[in-house]
Amino acid sequence: MTQKLALITGASRGLGAALAEELAPDYHILAVARTTGALEELDDRIKAKGGATTLAPMDITVPQAMGTLAQGIMDRWGALDLWLHTAIHAAPLTPADHISQKDWEKSLAINTNATAMLIPLISPLLRASGGGKAVFFDDPNASGRYAGSYGATKSGQMALAKSWAAESPANGVEVKIVTPAPMPTALRARFYPGEDRTTLTNIADEAARIASTL
C-alpha cells in the first residue's frame, strides 16, 4: 500500500472522528475505539467520500490488545506515518475530597497509563516511516474546580507528551502538541453545562485547521 497510514486512538466521535474524516483523502485511517457501532458509522462516512479505513474496536487500556495492534501494524504495513491520540476520559465533576476510587482509576487508566503504554509501542512504527509524527491535544480545562480526576490525569498525559517532544530530535519522531479551539464536544459539555454552543468552533472546521498544520 502506497497511501500513508494514520492511526487515530479515540476515533469514534468528537475531534477524533472529525480528524479521521478530514485526513481520509490522503491517509488510510486505522481507527481505534471501544464503540463498534460508532466506528462502523465513521467507516460509512469515509467510504462515502472515497476514503478507506481499517477498524480496530479495542480498549486502549489493555496492554495485550495494544501490543497486538502495534504488531499488526508492523506486520501489515511495516510502518506508521501519523498517530493522533484523541482518546480521553472526563470523570464526573466533583470536589477533590469526593473523588471516587472508580472514577480516579478509570481516568488514570485511559488518560495517563494508556499513553505511557502506547508511546513505546508506537514510537518504533513512526521511526520506521522515516519521519512519522505523533500528535497530542492539550486542554485548558484540565485544571480548576471539580476537575481533579481529569486535570491530574490529563496533566500526566501532557507531561509524557512534552517529554517525548523534547526528546524527539534524537529519536527520529516528530511530536506535536496542539491546543484545539473550544468546540461543542461531549467533553466540553461536561465542563460547561448550559453553555451557548452556537458560539463554539465547528468540530469539522477545527479538524480541517489542525490537519492543515500536519
C-alpha atoms as a PDB file:
ATOM      1  CA  MET A   1       0.000   0.000   0.000  1.00  0.00           C
ATOM      2  CA  THR A   2       1.482   3.337  -1.095  1.00  0.00           C
ATOM      3  CA  GLN A   3      -1.039   5.539   0.733  1.00  0.00           C
ATOM      4  CA  LYS A   4       0.149   6.889   4.065  1.00  0.00           C
ATOM      5  CA  LEU A   5      -1.222   5.357   7.258  1.00  0.00           C
ATOM      6  CA  ALA A   6      -2.743   7.355  10.121  1.00  0.00           C
ATOM      7  CA  LEU A   7      -3.615   5.771  13.466  1.00  0.00           C
ATOM      8  CA  ILE A   8      -6.284   7.603  15.462  1.00  0.00           C
ATOM      9  CA  THR A   9      -6.870   6.435  19.017  1.00  0.00           C
ATOM     10  CA  GLY A  10     -10.270   7.664  20.154  1.00  0.00           C
ATOM     11  CA  ALA A  11     -11.665   7.817  16.623  1.00  0.00           C
ATOM     12  CA  SER A  12     -15.323   7.023  17.230  1.00  0.00           C
ATOM     13  CA  ARG A  13     -16.624  10.515  17.986  1.00  0.00           C
ATOM     14  CA  GLY A  14     -15.769  14.172  18.543  1.00  0.00           C
ATOM     15  CA  LEU A  15     -12.461  15.533  17.310  1.00  0.00           C
ATOM     16  CA  GLY A  16     -11.034  12.064  16.655  1.00  0.00           C
ATOM     17  CA  ALA A  17     -13.818  11.193  14.223  1.00  0.00           C
ATOM     18  CA  ALA A  18     -13.642  14.608  12.563  1.00  0.00           C
ATOM     19  CA  LEU A  19      -9.890  14.268  12.067  1.00  0.00           C
ATOM     20  CA  ALA A  20     -10.369  10.805  10.596  1.00  0.00           C
ATOM     21  CA  GLU A  21     -12.783  12.181   8.019  1.00  0.00           C
ATOM     22  CA  GLU A  22     -10.560  15.161   7.267  1.00  0.00           C
ATOM     23  CA  LEU A  23      -7.419  13.071   6.756  1.00  0.00           C
ATOM     24  CA  ALA A  24      -9.071  10.207   4.869  1.00  0.00           C
ATOM     25  CA  PRO A  25      -8.420  11.548   1.359  1.00  0.00           C
ATOM     26  CA  ASP A  26      -4.664  11.464   1.997  1.00  0.00           C
ATOM     27  CA  TYR A  27      -4.316   8.648   4.552  1.00  0.00           C
ATOM     28  CA  HIS A  28      -5.595   5.172   5.114  1.00  0.00           C
ATOM     29  CA  ILE A  29      -7.242   5.554   8.529  1.00  0.00           C
ATOM     30  CA  LEU A  30      -6.674   2.985  11.256  1.00  0.00           C
ATOM     31  CA  ALA A  31      -9.484   3.886  13.642  1.00  0.00           C
ATOM     32  CA  VAL A  32      -9.304   2.678  17.246  1.00  0.00           C
ATOM     33  CA  ALA A  33     -12.103   2.995  19.797  1.00  0.00           C
ATOM     34  CA  ARG A  34     -14.218   0.797  22.031  1.00  0.00           C
ATOM     35  CA  THR A  35     -17.576   1.590  20.377  1.00  0.00           C
ATOM     36  CA  THR A  36     -18.014  -0.688  17.379  1.00  0.00           C
ATOM     37  CA  GLY A  37     -21.214   0.944  16.141  1.00  0.00           C
ATOM     38  CA  ALA A  38     -19.689   4.414  16.075  1.00  0.00           C
ATOM     39  CA  LEU A  39     -16.622   3.101  14.253  1.00  0.00           C
ATOM     40  CA  GLU A  40     -18.835   1.488  11.630  1.00  0.00           C
ATOM     41  CA  GLU A  41     -20.686   4.772  11.136  1.00  0.00           C
ATOM     42  CA  LEU A  42     -17.342   6.536  10.701  1.00  0.00           C
ATOM     43  CA  ASP A  43     -16.317   3.915   8.158  1.00  0.00           C
ATOM     44  CA  ASP A  44     -19.529   4.517   6.202  1.00  0.00           C
ATOM     45  CA  ARG A  45     -18.914   8.282   6.113  1.00  0.00           C
ATOM     46  CA  ILE A  46     -15.314   7.902   4.989  1.00  0.00           C
ATOM     47  CA  LYS A  47     -16.158   5.322   2.323  1.00  0.00           C
ATOM     48  CA  ALA A  48     -18.917   7.603   1.010  1.00  0.00           C
ATOM     49  CA  LYS A  49     -16.199  10.171   0.318  1.00  0.00           C
ATOM     50  CA  GLY A  50     -13.916   7.662  -1.374  1.00  0.00           C
ATOM     51  CA  GLY A  51     -11.617   7.043   1.593  1.00  0.00           C
ATOM     52  CA  ALA A  52     -10.564   3.810   3.250  1.00  0.00           C
ATOM     53  CA  THR A  53     -10.382   2.672   6.855  1.00  0.00           C
ATOM     54  CA  THR A  54      -9.366  -0.270   8.949  1.00  0.00           C
ATOM     55  CA  LEU A  55     -11.485  -0.512  12.083  1.00  0.00           C
ATOM     56  CA  ALA A  56      -9.947  -1.696  15.343  1.00  0.00           C
ATOM     57  CA  PRO A  57     -12.587  -1.905  18.091  1.00  0.00           C
ATOM     58  CA  MET A  58     -10.177  -2.129  21.015  1.00  0.00           C
ATOM     59  CA  ASP A  59      -9.708  -0.873  24.553  1.00  0.00           C
ATOM     60  CA  ILE A  60      -6.513   1.189  24.743  1.00  0.00           C
ATOM     61  CA  THR A  61      -6.110   0.347  28.435  1.00  0.00           C
ATOM     62  CA  VAL A  62      -5.492  -3.352  27.713  1.00  0.00           C
ATOM     63  CA  PRO A  63      -1.759  -3.976  27.198  1.00  0.00           C
ATOM     64  CA  GLN A  64      -2.225  -7.235  25.278  1.00  0.00           C
ATOM     65  CA  ALA A  65      -4.661  -5.590  22.847  1.00  0.00           C
ATOM     66  CA  MET A  66      -2.340  -2.652  22.209  1.00  0.00           C
ATOM     67  CA  GLY A  67       0.625  -4.973  21.751  1.00  0.00           C
ATOM     68  CA  THR A  68      -1.401  -6.910  19.183  1.00  0.00           C
ATOM     69  CA  LEU A  69      -2.330  -3.654  17.450  1.00  0.00           C
ATOM     70  CA  ALA A  70       1.284  -2.494  17.204  1.00  0.00           C
ATOM     71  CA  GLN A  71       2.454  -5.873  15.916  1.00  0.00           C
ATOM     72  CA  GLY A  72      -0.390  -5.917  13.414  1.00  0.00           C
ATOM     73  CA  ILE A  73       0.651  -2.529  12.048  1.00  0.00           C
ATOM     74  CA  MET A  74       4.232  -3.714  11.639  1.00  0.00           C
ATOM     75  CA  ASP A  75       3.217  -6.993  10.007  1.00  0.00           C
ATOM     76  CA  ARG A  76       0.717  -5.464   7.582  1.00  0.00           C
ATOM     77  CA  TRP A  77       2.172  -2.038   6.795  1.00  0.00           C
ATOM     78  CA  GLY A  78       5.721  -2.062   8.144  1.00  0.00           C
ATOM     79  CA  ALA A  79       5.498   1.490   9.457  1.00  0.00           C
ATOM     80  CA  LEU A  80       3.169   4.240  10.635  1.00  0.00           C
ATOM     81  CA  ASP A  81       3.172   7.803   9.285  1.00  0.00           C
ATOM     82  CA  LEU A  82       0.907   9.581  11.756  1.00  0.00           C
ATOM     83  CA  TRP A  83      -0.548   8.948  15.208  1.00  0.00           C
ATOM     84  CA  LEU A  84      -3.227  11.209  16.652  1.00  0.00           C
ATOM     85  CA  HIS A  85      -4.105  10.448  20.262  1.00  0.00           C
ATOM     86  CA  THR A  86      -7.561  11.864  20.969  1.00  0.00           C
ATOM     87  CA  ALA A  87      -8.789   9.192  23.394  1.00  0.00           C
ATOM     88  CA  ILE A  88      -9.746  10.775  26.718  1.00  0.00           C
ATOM     89  CA  HIS A  89     -11.951  10.198  29.744  1.00  0.00           C
ATOM     90  CA  ALA A  90     -13.563  13.034  31.672  1.00  0.00           C
ATOM     91  CA  ALA A  91     -14.808  11.840  35.032  1.00  0.00           C
ATOM     92  CA  PRO A  92     -17.890  13.499  36.539  1.00  0.00           C
ATOM     93  CA  LEU A  93     -17.106  16.879  38.052  1.00  0.00           C
ATOM     94  CA  THR A  94     -16.738  16.549  41.786  1.00  0.00           C
ATOM     95  CA  PRO A  95     -14.901  18.221  44.678  1.00  0.00           C
ATOM     96  CA  ALA A  96     -11.405  16.855  45.244  1.00  0.00           C
ATOM     97  CA  ASP A  97     -12.425  15.406  48.590  1.00  0.00           C
ATOM     98  CA  HIS A  98     -15.290  13.478  46.973  1.00  0.00           C
ATOM     99  CA  ILE A  99     -13.460  11.782  44.081  1.00  0.00           C
ATOM    100  CA  SER A 100     -14.496   8.143  43.891  1.00  0.00           C
ATOM    101  CA  GLN A 101     -11.839   5.479  43.525  1.00  0.00           C
ATOM    102  CA  LYS A 102     -13.634   4.092  40.466  1.00  0.00           C
ATOM    103  CA  ASP A 103     -13.599   7.441  38.632  1.00  0.00           C
ATOM    104  CA  TRP A 104      -9.986   8.051  39.583  1.00  0.00           C
ATOM    105  CA  GLU A 105      -8.816   4.648  38.391  1.00  0.00           C
ATOM    106  CA  LYS A 106     -10.669   4.951  35.078  1.00  0.00           C
ATOM    107  CA  SER A 107      -9.233   8.436  34.460  1.00  0.00           C
ATOM    108  CA  LEU A 108      -5.742   7.236  35.294  1.00  0.00           C
ATOM    109  CA  ALA A 109      -6.064   4.145  33.105  1.00  0.00           C
ATOM    110  CA  ILE A 110      -7.284   5.970  29.986  1.00  0.00           C
ATOM    111  CA  ASN A 111      -5.618   9.360  30.219  1.00  0.00           C
ATOM    112  CA  THR A 112      -2.199   8.562  31.682  1.00  0.00           C
ATOM    113  CA  ASN A 113      -1.402   4.857  31.860  1.00  0.00           C
ATOM    114  CA  ALA A 114      -2.559   4.121  28.304  1.00  0.00           C
ATOM    115  CA  THR A 115      -0.443   6.985  26.971  1.00  0.00           C
ATOM    116  CA  ALA A 116       2.614   5.691  28.829  1.00  0.00           C
ATOM    117  CA  MET A 117       1.977   2.242  27.346  1.00  0.00           C
ATOM    118  CA  LEU A 118       1.296   3.409  23.784  1.00  0.00           C
ATOM    119  CA  ILE A 119       4.306   5.687  23.312  1.00  0.00           C
ATOM    120  CA  PRO A 120       6.919   2.897  23.443  1.00  0.00           C
ATOM    121  CA  LEU A 121       4.725   0.631  21.322  1.00  0.00           C
ATOM    122  CA  ILE A 122       4.104   3.190  18.582  1.00  0.00           C
ATOM    123  CA  SER A 123       7.433   5.003  18.558  1.00  0.00           C
ATOM    124  CA  PRO A 124       9.253   2.259  16.568  1.00  0.00           C
ATOM    125  CA  LEU A 125       6.464   2.255  13.980  1.00  0.00           C
ATOM    126  CA  LEU A 126       6.776   6.012  13.470  1.00  0.00           C
ATOM    127  CA  ARG A 127      10.562   5.800  13.208  1.00  0.00           C
ATOM    128  CA  ALA A 128      10.188   3.072  10.595  1.00  0.00           C
ATOM    129  CA  SER A 129       8.368   5.505   8.293  1.00  0.00           C
ATOM    130  CA  GLY A 130      11.424   7.779   8.199  1.00  0.00           C
ATOM    131  CA  GLY A 131       9.690  10.797   9.669  1.00  0.00           C
ATOM    132  CA  GLY A 132       6.499   9.818  11.450  1.00  0.00           C
ATOM    133  CA  LYS A 133       4.540  12.273  13.562  1.00  0.00           C
ATOM    134  CA  ALA A 134       2.657  11.912  16.842  1.00  0.00           C
ATOM    135  CA  VAL A 135       0.047  14.480  17.832  1.00  0.00           C
ATOM    136  CA  PHE A 136      -1.380  15.095  21.298  1.00  0.00           C
ATOM    137  CA  PHE A 137      -4.104  17.522  22.327  1.00  0.00           C
ATOM    138  CA  ASP A 138      -3.755  19.858  25.286  1.00  0.00           C
ATOM    139  CA  ASP A 139      -6.799  21.154  27.161  1.00  0.00           C
ATOM    140  CA  PRO A 140      -7.041  24.382  29.183  1.00  0.00           C
ATOM    141  CA  ASN A 141      -9.936  22.768  31.091  1.00  0.00           C
ATOM    142  CA  ALA A 142      -7.510  20.402  32.807  1.00  0.00           C
ATOM    143  CA  SER A 143      -7.474  22.432  35.998  1.00  0.00           C
ATOM    144  CA  GLY A 144      -9.819  24.300  38.273  1.00  0.00           C
ATOM    145  CA  ARG A 145     -12.749  23.476  40.484  1.00  0.00           C
ATOM    146  CA  TYR A 146     -14.192  19.957  40.439  1.00  0.00           C
ATOM    147  CA  ALA A 147     -11.841  18.748  37.683  1.00  0.00           C
ATOM    148  CA  GLY A 148      -9.359  16.930  39.895  1.00  0.00           C
ATOM    149  CA  SER A 149      -9.536  13.469  38.307  1.00  0.00           C
ATOM    150  CA  TYR A 150      -9.496  14.791  34.759  1.00  0.00           C
ATOM    151  CA  GLY A 151      -6.970  17.525  35.456  1.00  0.00           C
ATOM    152  CA  ALA A 152      -4.439  15.363  37.261  1.00  0.00           C
ATOM    153  CA  THR A 153      -4.512  12.548  34.711  1.00  0.00           C
ATOM    154  CA  LYS A 154      -4.647  14.810  31.657  1.00  0.00           C
ATOM    155  CA  SER A 155      -1.684  16.747  33.041  1.00  0.00           C
ATOM    156  CA  GLY A 156       0.149  13.434  33.391  1.00  0.00           C
ATOM    157  CA  GLN A 157      -0.586  12.680  29.754  1.00  0.00           C
ATOM    158  CA  MET A 158       0.725  16.088  28.704  1.00  0.00           C
ATOM    159  CA  ALA A 159       3.882  15.640  30.772  1.00  0.00           C
ATOM    160  CA  LEU A 160       4.611  12.422  28.898  1.00  0.00           C
ATOM    161  CA  ALA A 161       3.919  14.065  25.536  1.00  0.00           C
ATOM    162  CA  LYS A 162       6.102  17.089  26.322  1.00  0.00           C
ATOM    163  CA  SER A 163       8.985  14.904  27.450  1.00  0.00           C
ATOM    164  CA  TRP A 164       8.713  12.862  24.250  1.00  0.00           C
ATOM    165  CA  ALA A 165       8.572  16.070  22.198  1.00  0.00           C
ATOM    166  CA  ALA A 166      11.711  17.391  23.888  1.00  0.00           C
ATOM    167  CA  GLU A 167      13.464  14.114  23.157  1.00  0.00           C
ATOM    168  CA  SER A 168      12.198  13.867  19.564  1.00  0.00           C
ATOM    169  CA  PRO A 169      15.193  15.418  17.778  1.00  0.00           C
ATOM    170  CA  ALA A 170      17.231  12.426  18.941  1.00  0.00           C
ATOM    171  CA  ASN A 171      14.627   9.685  18.453  1.00  0.00           C
ATOM    172  CA  GLY A 172      13.503  10.308  14.880  1.00  0.00           C
ATOM    173  CA  VAL A 173       9.871  11.065  15.692  1.00  0.00           C
ATOM    174  CA  GLU A 174       8.214  14.476  15.395  1.00  0.00           C
ATOM    175  CA  VAL A 175       5.907  15.075  18.370  1.00  0.00           C
ATOM    176  CA  LYS A 176       3.381  17.893  18.198  1.00  0.00           C
ATOM    177  CA  ILE A 177       1.127  19.224  20.941  1.00  0.00           C
ATOM    178  CA  VAL A 178      -1.964  21.049  19.707  1.00  0.00           C
ATOM    179  CA  THR A 179      -4.455  23.132  21.688  1.00  0.00           C
ATOM    180  CA  PRO A 180      -7.788  22.942  19.833  1.00  0.00           C
ATOM    181  CA  ALA A 181     -10.254  25.819  19.863  1.00  0.00           C
ATOM    182  CA  PRO A 182     -13.324  25.373  22.083  1.00  0.00           C
ATOM    183  CA  MET A 183     -15.723  23.037  20.271  1.00  0.00           C
ATOM    184  CA  PRO A 184     -19.215  21.673  21.037  1.00  0.00           C
ATOM    185  CA  THR A 185     -17.970  18.236  22.093  1.00  0.00           C
ATOM    186  CA  ALA A 186     -19.430  15.967  24.758  1.00  0.00           C
ATOM    187  CA  LEU A 187     -16.240  16.503  26.751  1.00  0.00           C
ATOM    188  CA  ARG A 188     -16.679  20.278  26.837  1.00  0.00           C
ATOM    189  CA  ALA A 189     -20.360  19.944  27.717  1.00  0.00           C
ATOM    190  CA  ARG A 190     -19.332  18.176  30.905  1.00  0.00           C
ATOM    191  CA  PHE A 191     -17.302  21.202  31.998  1.00  0.00           C
ATOM    192  CA  TYR A 192     -19.690  23.861  30.722  1.00  0.00           C
ATOM    193  CA  PRO A 193     -23.280  22.616  31.074  1.00  0.00           C
ATOM    194  CA  GLY A 194     -25.777  25.066  29.672  1.00  0.00           C
ATOM    195  CA  GLU A 195     -23.175  26.893  27.574  1.00  0.00           C
ATOM    196  CA  ASP A 196     -24.350  28.515  24.337  1.00  0.00           C
ATOM    197  CA  ARG A 197     -22.770  26.016  21.961  1.00  0.00           C
ATOM    198  CA  THR A 198     -23.564  28.090  18.879  1.00  0.00           C
ATOM    199  CA  THR A 199     -20.612  30.334  19.763  1.00  0.00           C
ATOM    200  CA  LEU A 200     -18.120  27.464  19.654  1.00  0.00           C
ATOM    201  CA  THR A 201     -15.927  26.410  16.735  1.00  0.00           C
ATOM    202  CA  ASN A 202     -17.421  23.783  14.461  1.00  0.00           C
ATOM    203  CA  ILE A 203     -15.671  20.448  15.059  1.00  0.00           C
ATOM    204  CA  ALA A 204     -15.157  19.731  11.351  1.00  0.00           C
ATOM    205  CA  ASP A 205     -13.713  23.207  10.798  1.00  0.00           C
ATOM    206  CA  GLU A 206     -11.277  22.763  13.682  1.00  0.00           C
ATOM    207  CA  ALA A 207     -10.276  19.335  12.370  1.00  0.00           C
ATOM    208  CA  ALA A 208      -9.533  20.917   8.994  1.00  0.00           C
ATOM    209  CA  ARG A 209      -7.405  23.597  10.648  1.00  0.00           C
ATOM    210  CA  ILE A 210      -5.422  21.070  12.652  1.00  0.00           C
ATOM    211  CA  ALA A 211      -4.963  18.777   9.660  1.00  0.00           C
ATOM    212  CA  SER A 212      -3.576  21.687   7.642  1.00  0.00           C
ATOM    213  CA  THR A 213      -0.748  22.051  10.196  1.00  0.00           C
ATOM    214  CA  LEU A 214       0.340  18.420   9.833  1.00  0.00           C
END
